[in-house]
PDB file of N, CA and C in Angstrom:
ATOM      1  N   UNK A   1       5.644   7.748  20.965  1.00  0.00           N
ATOM      2  CA  UNK A   1       4.726   8.987  20.166  1.00  0.00           C
ATOM      3  C   UNK A   1       5.414   9.472  18.528  1.00  0.00           C
ATOM      4  N   UNK A   2       4.903   9.545  17.390  1.00  0.00           N
ATOM      5  CA  UNK A   2       5.973  10.203  16.668  1.00  0.00           C
ATOM      6  C   UNK A   2       5.844  11.746  16.935  1.00  0.00           C
ATOM      7  N   UNK A   3       6.888  12.464  16.145  1.00  0.00           N
ATOM      8  CA  UNK A   3       6.308  13.737  16.109  1.00  0.00           C
ATOM      9  C   UNK A   3       5.753  14.211  15.153  1.00  0.00           C
ATOM     10  N   UNK A   4       5.385  15.181  15.196  1.00  0.00           N
ATOM     11  CA  UNK A   4       4.229  15.754  14.455  1.00  0.00           C
ATOM     12  C   UNK A   4       5.096  16.458  13.301  1.00  0.00           C
ATOM     13  N   UNK A   5       4.927  16.186  11.947  1.00  0.00           N
ATOM     14  CA  UNK A   5       6.042  16.900  10.838  1.00  0.00           C
ATOM     15  C   UNK A   5       5.024  17.886  10.265  1.00  0.00           C
ATOM     16  N   UNK A   6       5.646  18.964  10.294  1.00  0.00           N
ATOM     17  CA  UNK A   6       5.111  20.225   9.334  1.00  0.00           C
ATOM     18  C   UNK A   6       4.613  19.380   7.638  1.00  0.00           C
ATOM     19  N   UNK A   7       3.811  19.633   6.786  1.00  0.00           N
ATOM     20  CA  UNK A   7       3.058  19.035   5.297  1.00  0.00           C
ATOM     21  C   UNK A   7       4.252  19.335   4.278  1.00  0.00           C
ATOM     22  N   UNK A   8       4.799  20.393   4.969  1.00  0.00           N
ATOM     23  CA  UNK A   8       5.957  20.867   3.794  1.00  0.00           C
ATOM     24  C   UNK A   8       7.375  19.720   4.187  1.00  0.00           C
ATOM     25  N   UNK A   9       7.756  19.967   4.919  1.00  0.00           N
ATOM     26  CA  UNK A   9       8.630  18.803   5.414  1.00  0.00           C
ATOM     27  C   UNK A   9       8.445  17.410   4.512  1.00  0.00           C
ATOM     28  N   UNK A  10       8.678  16.960   3.815  1.00  0.00           N
ATOM     29  CA  UNK A  10       8.564  15.622   3.262  1.00  0.00           C
ATOM     30  C   UNK A  10       9.740  15.367   2.445  1.00  0.00           C
ATOM     31  N   UNK A  11       9.418  13.857   1.815  1.00  0.00           N
ATOM     32  CA  UNK A  11      10.059  13.141   0.827  1.00  0.00           C
ATOM     33  C   UNK A  11       9.391  12.847  -0.272  1.00  0.00           C
ATOM     34  N   UNK A  12      10.261  12.186  -1.641  1.00  0.00           N
ATOM     35  CA  UNK A  12       9.525  11.492  -2.486  1.00  0.00           C
ATOM     36  C   UNK A  12       8.473  10.456  -2.394  1.00  0.00           C
ATOM     37  N   UNK A  13       7.488  10.130  -2.433  1.00  0.00           N
ATOM     38  CA  UNK A  13       6.882   8.983  -2.569  1.00  0.00           C
ATOM     39  C   UNK A  13       5.886   9.538  -1.482  1.00  0.00           C
ATOM     40  N   UNK A  14       4.801   8.155  -1.389  1.00  0.00           N
ATOM     41  CA  UNK A  14       3.449   8.431  -0.867  1.00  0.00           C
ATOM     42  C   UNK A  14       3.429   8.432   0.763  1.00  0.00           C
ATOM     43  N   UNK A  15       2.833   9.452   1.221  1.00  0.00           N
ATOM     44  CA  UNK A  15       2.867  10.150   2.716  1.00  0.00           C
ATOM     45  C   UNK A  15       1.645   8.715   3.422  1.00  0.00           C
ATOM     46  N   UNK A  16       1.939   8.802   4.568  1.00  0.00           N
ATOM     47  CA  UNK A  16       0.887   8.278   5.666  1.00  0.00           C
ATOM     48  C   UNK A  16       0.697   9.130   6.543  1.00  0.00           C
ATOM     49  N   UNK A  17      -0.474   9.651   6.509  1.00  0.00           N
ATOM     50  CA  UNK A  17      -1.055  10.923   7.288  1.00  0.00           C
ATOM     51  C   UNK A  17      -2.216  10.613   8.283  1.00  0.00           C
ATOM     52  N   UNK A  18      -2.291  11.265   9.101  1.00  0.00           N
ATOM     53  CA  UNK A  18      -3.230  11.021   9.935  1.00  0.00           C
ATOM     54  C   UNK A  18      -4.271  11.715  10.368  1.00  0.00           C
ATOM     55  N   UNK A  19      -5.410  12.212   9.428  1.00  0.00           N
ATOM     56  CA  UNK A  19      -6.115  13.081   9.513  1.00  0.00           C
ATOM     57  C   UNK A  19      -7.185  13.440  10.888  1.00  0.00           C
ATOM     58  N   UNK A  20      -6.936  14.766  10.839  1.00  0.00           N
ATOM     59  CA  UNK A  20      -7.116  15.479  12.436  1.00  0.00           C
ATOM     60  C   UNK A  20      -8.624  16.662  11.879  1.00  0.00           C
ATOM     61  N   UNK A  21      -9.099  17.045  13.006  1.00  0.00           N
ATOM     62  CA  UNK A  21     -10.328  17.963  12.956  1.00  0.00           C
ATOM     63  C   UNK A  21      -9.965  19.132  11.807  1.00  0.00           C
ATOM     64  N   UNK A  22      -8.971  19.721  11.858  1.00  0.00           N
ATOM     65  CA  UNK A  22      -8.423  20.937  10.943  1.00  0.00           C
ATOM     66  C   UNK A  22      -7.005  20.891  10.785  1.00  0.00           C
ATOM     67  N   UNK A  23      -6.420  19.881  11.111  1.00  0.00           N
ATOM     68  CA  UNK A  23      -5.024  19.492  10.485  1.00  0.00           C
ATOM     69  C   UNK A  23      -4.704  18.443  10.035  1.00  0.00           C
ATOM     70  N   UNK A  24      -3.568  17.726  10.028  1.00  0.00           N
ATOM     71  CA  UNK A  24      -3.286  16.817   9.451  1.00  0.00           C
ATOM     72  C   UNK A  24      -1.770  15.935  10.340  1.00  0.00           C
ATOM     73  N   UNK A  25      -1.682  15.178  10.368  1.00  0.00           N
ATOM     74  CA  UNK A  25      -0.285  14.986  11.117  1.00  0.00           C
ATOM     75  C   UNK A  25       0.513  13.597  10.154  1.00  0.00           C
ATOM     76  N   UNK A  26       1.255  14.008   9.674  1.00  0.00           N
ATOM     77  CA  UNK A  26       2.338  13.453   8.768  1.00  0.00           C
ATOM     78  C   UNK A  26       3.025  12.436   9.626  1.00  0.00           C
ATOM     79  N   UNK A  27       2.797  10.919   9.236  1.00  0.00           N
ATOM     80  CA  UNK A  27       3.251  10.048  10.043  1.00  0.00           C
ATOM     81  C   UNK A  27       4.581   9.337   9.354  1.00  0.00           C
ATOM     82  N   UNK A  28       4.114   9.399   7.994  1.00  0.00           N
ATOM     83  CA  UNK A  28       5.758   8.710   7.602  1.00  0.00           C
ATOM     84  C   UNK A  28       5.670   9.969   6.314  1.00  0.00           C
ATOM     85  N   UNK A  29       6.938  10.499   6.128  1.00  0.00           N
ATOM     86  CA  UNK A  29       6.930  11.754   4.905  1.00  0.00           C
ATOM     87  C   UNK A  29       6.714  11.554   3.535  1.00  0.00           C
ATOM     88  N   UNK A  30       6.306  12.234   2.915  1.00  0.00           N
ATOM     89  CA  UNK A  30       5.896  11.762   0.966  1.00  0.00           C
ATOM     90  C   UNK A  30       5.648  13.457   0.375  1.00  0.00           C
ATOM     91  N   UNK A  31       5.616  12.701  -0.892  1.00  0.00           N
ATOM     92  CA  UNK A  31       5.193  13.912  -1.070  1.00  0.00           C
ATOM     93  C   UNK A  31       3.822  14.129  -1.613  1.00  0.00           C
ATOM     94  N   UNK A  32       2.895  12.694  -1.482  1.00  0.00           N
ATOM     95  CA  UNK A  32       1.467  13.045  -1.978  1.00  0.00           C
ATOM     96  C   UNK A  32       1.021  11.968  -0.852  1.00  0.00           C
ATOM     97  N   UNK A  33      -0.560  12.121  -1.485  1.00  0.00           N
ATOM     98  CA  UNK A  33      -1.353  11.043  -0.576  1.00  0.00           C
ATOM     99  C   UNK A  33      -2.677  10.417  -1.629  1.00  0.00           C
ATOM    100  N   UNK A  34      -3.097   9.362  -1.595  1.00  0.00           N
ATOM    101  CA  UNK A  34      -3.715   9.219  -2.854  1.00  0.00           C
ATOM    102  C   UNK A  34      -5.403   9.832  -2.506  1.00  0.00           C
ATOM    103  N   UNK A  35      -6.233   9.559  -3.443  1.00  0.00           N
ATOM    104  CA  UNK A  35      -7.461   9.826  -3.068  1.00  0.00           C
ATOM    105  C   UNK A  35      -8.048   8.510  -2.917  1.00  0.00           C
ATOM    106  N   UNK A  36      -9.006   8.548  -1.821  1.00  0.00           N
ATOM    107  CA  UNK A  36      -9.739   6.935  -1.453  1.00  0.00           C
ATOM    108  C   UNK A  36     -10.502   6.892  -2.547  1.00  0.00           C
ATOM    109  N   UNK A  37     -11.484   7.716  -3.338  1.00  0.00           N
ATOM    110  CA  UNK A  37     -12.591   7.496  -4.404  1.00  0.00           C
ATOM    111  C   UNK A  37     -11.509   7.492  -6.062  1.00  0.00           C
ATOM    112  N   UNK A  38     -10.962   8.021  -6.236  1.00  0.00           N
ATOM    113  CA  UNK A  38     -10.310   8.195  -7.765  1.00  0.00           C
ATOM    114  C   UNK A  38      -9.007   7.524  -7.720  1.00  0.00           C
ATOM    115  N   UNK A  39      -7.956   7.361  -6.383  1.00  0.00           N
ATOM    116  CA  UNK A  39      -6.604   6.901  -6.660  1.00  0.00           C
ATOM    117  C   UNK A  39      -5.922   7.780  -7.176  1.00  0.00           C
ATOM    118  N   UNK A  40      -6.238   9.155  -7.315  1.00  0.00           N
ATOM    119  CA  UNK A  40      -5.058  10.256  -8.151  1.00  0.00           C
ATOM    120  C   UNK A  40      -4.286  10.434  -6.974  1.00  0.00           C
ATOM    121  N   UNK A  41      -3.049  10.947  -7.157  1.00  0.00           N
ATOM    122  CA  UNK A  41      -2.230  10.921  -6.561  1.00  0.00           C
ATOM    123  C   UNK A  41      -2.562  12.969  -5.963  1.00  0.00           C
ATOM    124  N   UNK A  42      -2.613  12.990  -4.800  1.00  0.00           N
ATOM    125  CA  UNK A  42      -2.825  14.446  -3.835  1.00  0.00           C
ATOM    126  C   UNK A  42      -1.872  15.227  -3.753  1.00  0.00           C
ATOM    127  N   UNK A  43      -0.826  16.177  -4.135  1.00  0.00           N
ATOM    128  CA  UNK A  43       0.487  16.947  -3.215  1.00  0.00           C
ATOM    129  C   UNK A  43       0.046  17.273  -2.251  1.00  0.00           C
ATOM    130  N   UNK A  44       0.723  16.885  -1.159  1.00  0.00           N
ATOM    131  CA  UNK A  44       0.285  17.233   0.363  1.00  0.00           C
ATOM    132  C   UNK A  44      -0.062  18.672   0.522  1.00  0.00           C
ATOM    133  N   UNK A  45       0.616  19.703  -0.538  1.00  0.00           N
ATOM    134  CA  UNK A  45       0.633  20.576  -0.023  1.00  0.00           C
ATOM    135  C   UNK A  45      -0.802  21.621  -0.783  1.00  0.00           C
ATOM    136  N   UNK A  46      -1.557  20.435  -1.725  1.00  0.00           N
ATOM    137  CA  UNK A  46      -2.718  20.384  -2.407  1.00  0.00           C
ATOM    138  C   UNK A  46      -3.798  20.267  -1.649  1.00  0.00           C
ATOM    139  N   UNK A  47      -3.820  19.495  -0.559  1.00  0.00           N
ATOM    140  CA  UNK A  47      -4.765  18.863  -0.168  1.00  0.00           C
ATOM    141  C   UNK A  47      -5.589  19.513   1.081  1.00  0.00           C
ATOM    142  N   UNK A  48      -7.213  19.418   0.553  1.00  0.00           N
ATOM    143  CA  UNK A  48      -7.884  20.280   1.077  1.00  0.00           C
ATOM    144  C   UNK A  48      -9.431  19.558   1.425  1.00  0.00           C
ATOM    145  N   UNK A  49      -8.786  18.355   1.195  1.00  0.00           N
ATOM    146  CA  UNK A  49     -10.231  17.652   1.323  1.00  0.00           C
ATOM    147  C   UNK A  49      -9.799  16.124   2.142  1.00  0.00           C
ATOM    148  N   UNK A  50     -10.661  15.910   3.328  1.00  0.00           N
ATOM    149  CA  UNK A  50     -10.357  14.379   3.730  1.00  0.00           C
ATOM    150  C   UNK A  50     -11.543  14.363   5.076  1.00  0.00           C
ATOM    151  N   UNK A  51     -11.318  12.895   5.252  1.00  0.00           N
ATOM    152  CA  UNK A  51     -12.657  12.496   6.358  1.00  0.00           C
ATOM    153  C   UNK A  51     -11.678  12.017   7.746  1.00  0.00           C
ATOM    154  N   UNK A  52     -11.925  13.024   8.731  1.00  0.00           N
ATOM    155  CA  UNK A  52     -11.348  12.260  10.053  1.00  0.00           C
ATOM    156  C   UNK A  52     -12.109  10.717  10.454  1.00  0.00           C
ATOM    157  N   UNK A  53     -13.405  10.464  10.525  1.00  0.00           N
ATOM    158  CA  UNK A  53     -13.929   9.567  10.624  1.00  0.00           C
ATOM    159  C   UNK A  53     -13.393   8.012  10.079  1.00  0.00           C
ATOM    160  N   UNK A  54     -13.278   8.381   8.693  1.00  0.00           N
ATOM    161  CA  UNK A  54     -12.776   7.585   7.583  1.00  0.00           C
ATOM    162  C   UNK A  54     -11.276   7.339   7.540  1.00  0.00           C
ATOM    163  N   UNK A  55     -10.756   8.225   7.710  1.00  0.00           N
ATOM    164  CA  UNK A  55      -9.131   8.655   7.559  1.00  0.00           C
ATOM    165  C   UNK A  55      -8.751   8.430   6.151  1.00  0.00           C
ATOM    166  N   UNK A  56      -9.459   9.226   5.281  1.00  0.00           N
ATOM    167  CA  UNK A  56      -9.026   9.264   3.774  1.00  0.00           C
ATOM    168  C   UNK A  56      -9.148  10.158   3.135  1.00  0.00           C
ATOM    169  N   UNK A  57      -8.322  10.439   2.347  1.00  0.00           N
ATOM    170  CA  UNK A  57      -7.940  12.062   1.469  1.00  0.00           C
ATOM    171  C   UNK A  57      -8.793  12.280   0.389  1.00  0.00           C
ATOM    172  N   UNK A  58      -9.325  12.955  -0.112  1.00  0.00           N
ATOM    173  CA  UNK A  58     -10.149  13.524  -1.603  1.00  0.00           C
ATOM    174  C   UNK A  58      -9.702  14.182  -2.321  1.00  0.00           C
ATOM    175  N   UNK A  59      -9.548  14.012  -3.307  1.00  0.00           N
ATOM    176  CA  UNK A  59      -8.834  15.137  -4.553  1.00  0.00           C
ATOM    177  C   UNK A  59      -9.912  16.236  -4.966  1.00  0.00           C
ATOM    178  N   UNK A  60     -11.211  16.178  -4.597  1.00  0.00           N
ATOM    179  CA  UNK A  60     -11.857  17.164  -5.048  1.00  0.00           C
ATOM    180  C   UNK A  60     -13.336  17.155  -4.180  1.00  0.00           C
ATOM    181  N   UNK A  61     -14.069  17.913  -3.753  1.00  0.00           N
ATOM    182  CA  UNK A  61     -15.220  18.151  -3.800  1.00  0.00           C
ATOM    183  C   UNK A  61     -16.360  17.328  -4.503  1.00  0.00           C
ATOM    184  N   UNK A  62     -15.853  16.773  -5.626  1.00  0.00           N
ATOM    185  CA  UNK A  62     -17.241  15.808  -6.285  1.00  0.00           C
ATOM    186  C   UNK A  62     -16.836  14.440  -5.753  1.00  0.00           C
ATOM    187  N   UNK A  63     -15.156  14.243  -5.272  1.00  0.00           N
ATOM    188  CA  UNK A  63     -14.756  12.919  -4.496  1.00  0.00           C
ATOM    189  C   UNK A  63     -15.802  12.731  -3.558  1.00  0.00           C
ATOM    190  N   UNK A  64     -15.378  13.650  -2.817  1.00  0.00           N
ATOM    191  CA  UNK A  64     -16.440  13.892  -1.580  1.00  0.00           C
ATOM    192  C   UNK A  64     -17.680  13.422  -1.462  1.00  0.00           C
ATOM    193  N   UNK A  65     -18.286  13.957  -2.330  1.00  0.00           N
ATOM    194  CA  UNK A  65     -19.962  13.500  -2.421  1.00  0.00           C
ATOM    195  C   UNK A  65     -20.010  11.952  -3.136  1.00  0.00           C
ATOM    196  N   UNK A  66     -18.945  11.880  -3.919  1.00  0.00           N
ATOM    197  CA  UNK A  66     -19.039  10.499  -4.357  1.00  0.00           C
ATOM    198  C   UNK A  66     -18.873   9.206  -3.118  1.00  0.00           C
ATOM    199  N   UNK A  67     -18.041   9.374  -2.122  1.00  0.00           N
ATOM    200  CA  UNK A  67     -17.514   8.861  -1.101  1.00  0.00           C
ATOM    201  C   UNK A  67     -19.080   8.893  -0.370  1.00  0.00           C
ATOM    202  N   UNK A  68     -19.474  10.081   0.070  1.00  0.00           N
ATOM    203  CA  UNK A  68     -20.664  10.364   0.911  1.00  0.00           C
ATOM    204  C   UNK A  68     -21.803   9.323   0.435  1.00  0.00           C
ATOM    205  N   UNK A  69     -22.005   9.402  -0.627  1.00  0.00           N
ATOM    206  CA  UNK A  69     -23.168   8.375  -1.487  1.00  0.00           C
ATOM    207  C   UNK A  69     -23.283   7.329  -1.983  1.00  0.00           C
ATOM    208  N   UNK A  70     -21.890   7.191  -1.626  1.00  0.00           N
ATOM    209  CA  UNK A  70     -21.774   5.550  -2.311  1.00  0.00           C
ATOM    210  C   UNK A  70     -21.531   5.282  -3.488  1.00  0.00           C
ATOM    211  N   UNK A  71     -21.653   6.487  -4.242  1.00  0.00           N
ATOM    212  CA  UNK A  71     -20.832   5.905  -5.553  1.00  0.00           C
ATOM    213  C   UNK A  71     -19.375   6.011  -6.322  1.00  0.00           C
ATOM    214  N   UNK A  72     -19.308   5.156  -6.245  1.00  0.00           N
ATOM    215  CA  UNK A  72     -17.566   4.887  -6.809  1.00  0.00           C
ATOM    216  C   UNK A  72     -17.657   5.128  -8.104  1.00  0.00           C
ATOM    217  N   UNK A  73     -16.585   6.031  -9.020  1.00  0.00           N
ATOM    218  CA  UNK A  73     -16.351   5.940 -10.114  1.00  0.00           C
ATOM    219  C   UNK A  73     -15.734   4.765 -10.876  1.00  0.00           C
ATOM    220  N   UNK A  74     -16.330   4.627 -12.411  1.00  0.00           N
ATOM    221  CA  UNK A  74     -15.971   3.387 -13.160  1.00  0.00           C
ATOM    222  C   UNK A  74     -14.151   3.230 -13.040  1.00  0.00           C
ATOM    223  N   UNK A  75     -13.504   2.133 -12.888  1.00  0.00           N
ATOM    224  CA  UNK A  75     -12.457   2.110 -13.274  1.00  0.00           C
ATOM    225  C   UNK A  75     -11.663   1.356 -14.633  1.00  0.00           C
ATOM    226  N   UNK A  76     -10.891   1.916 -15.337  1.00  0.00           N
ATOM    227  CA  UNK A  76     -10.731   1.496 -16.783  1.00  0.00           C
ATOM    228  C   UNK A  76      -9.537   0.518 -16.567  1.00  0.00           C
TER     229      UNK A  76
END
């Protein structure tokens, strides 16, 4: 089993994270995760929104609502 890392203990690149009910477990250190809806990079120390059920991160409450409602933004 992997040790639980503090979200501040990170290196560059994209992190691999397990999203828990009130916390998260960093499985592979990194400085950010990607929003599942918009694809934007979210610095780990700014991550506030995620789904335990879907194991996804979200950049904003609007991104959460788009995912729940099944609405995906147009990508250019």
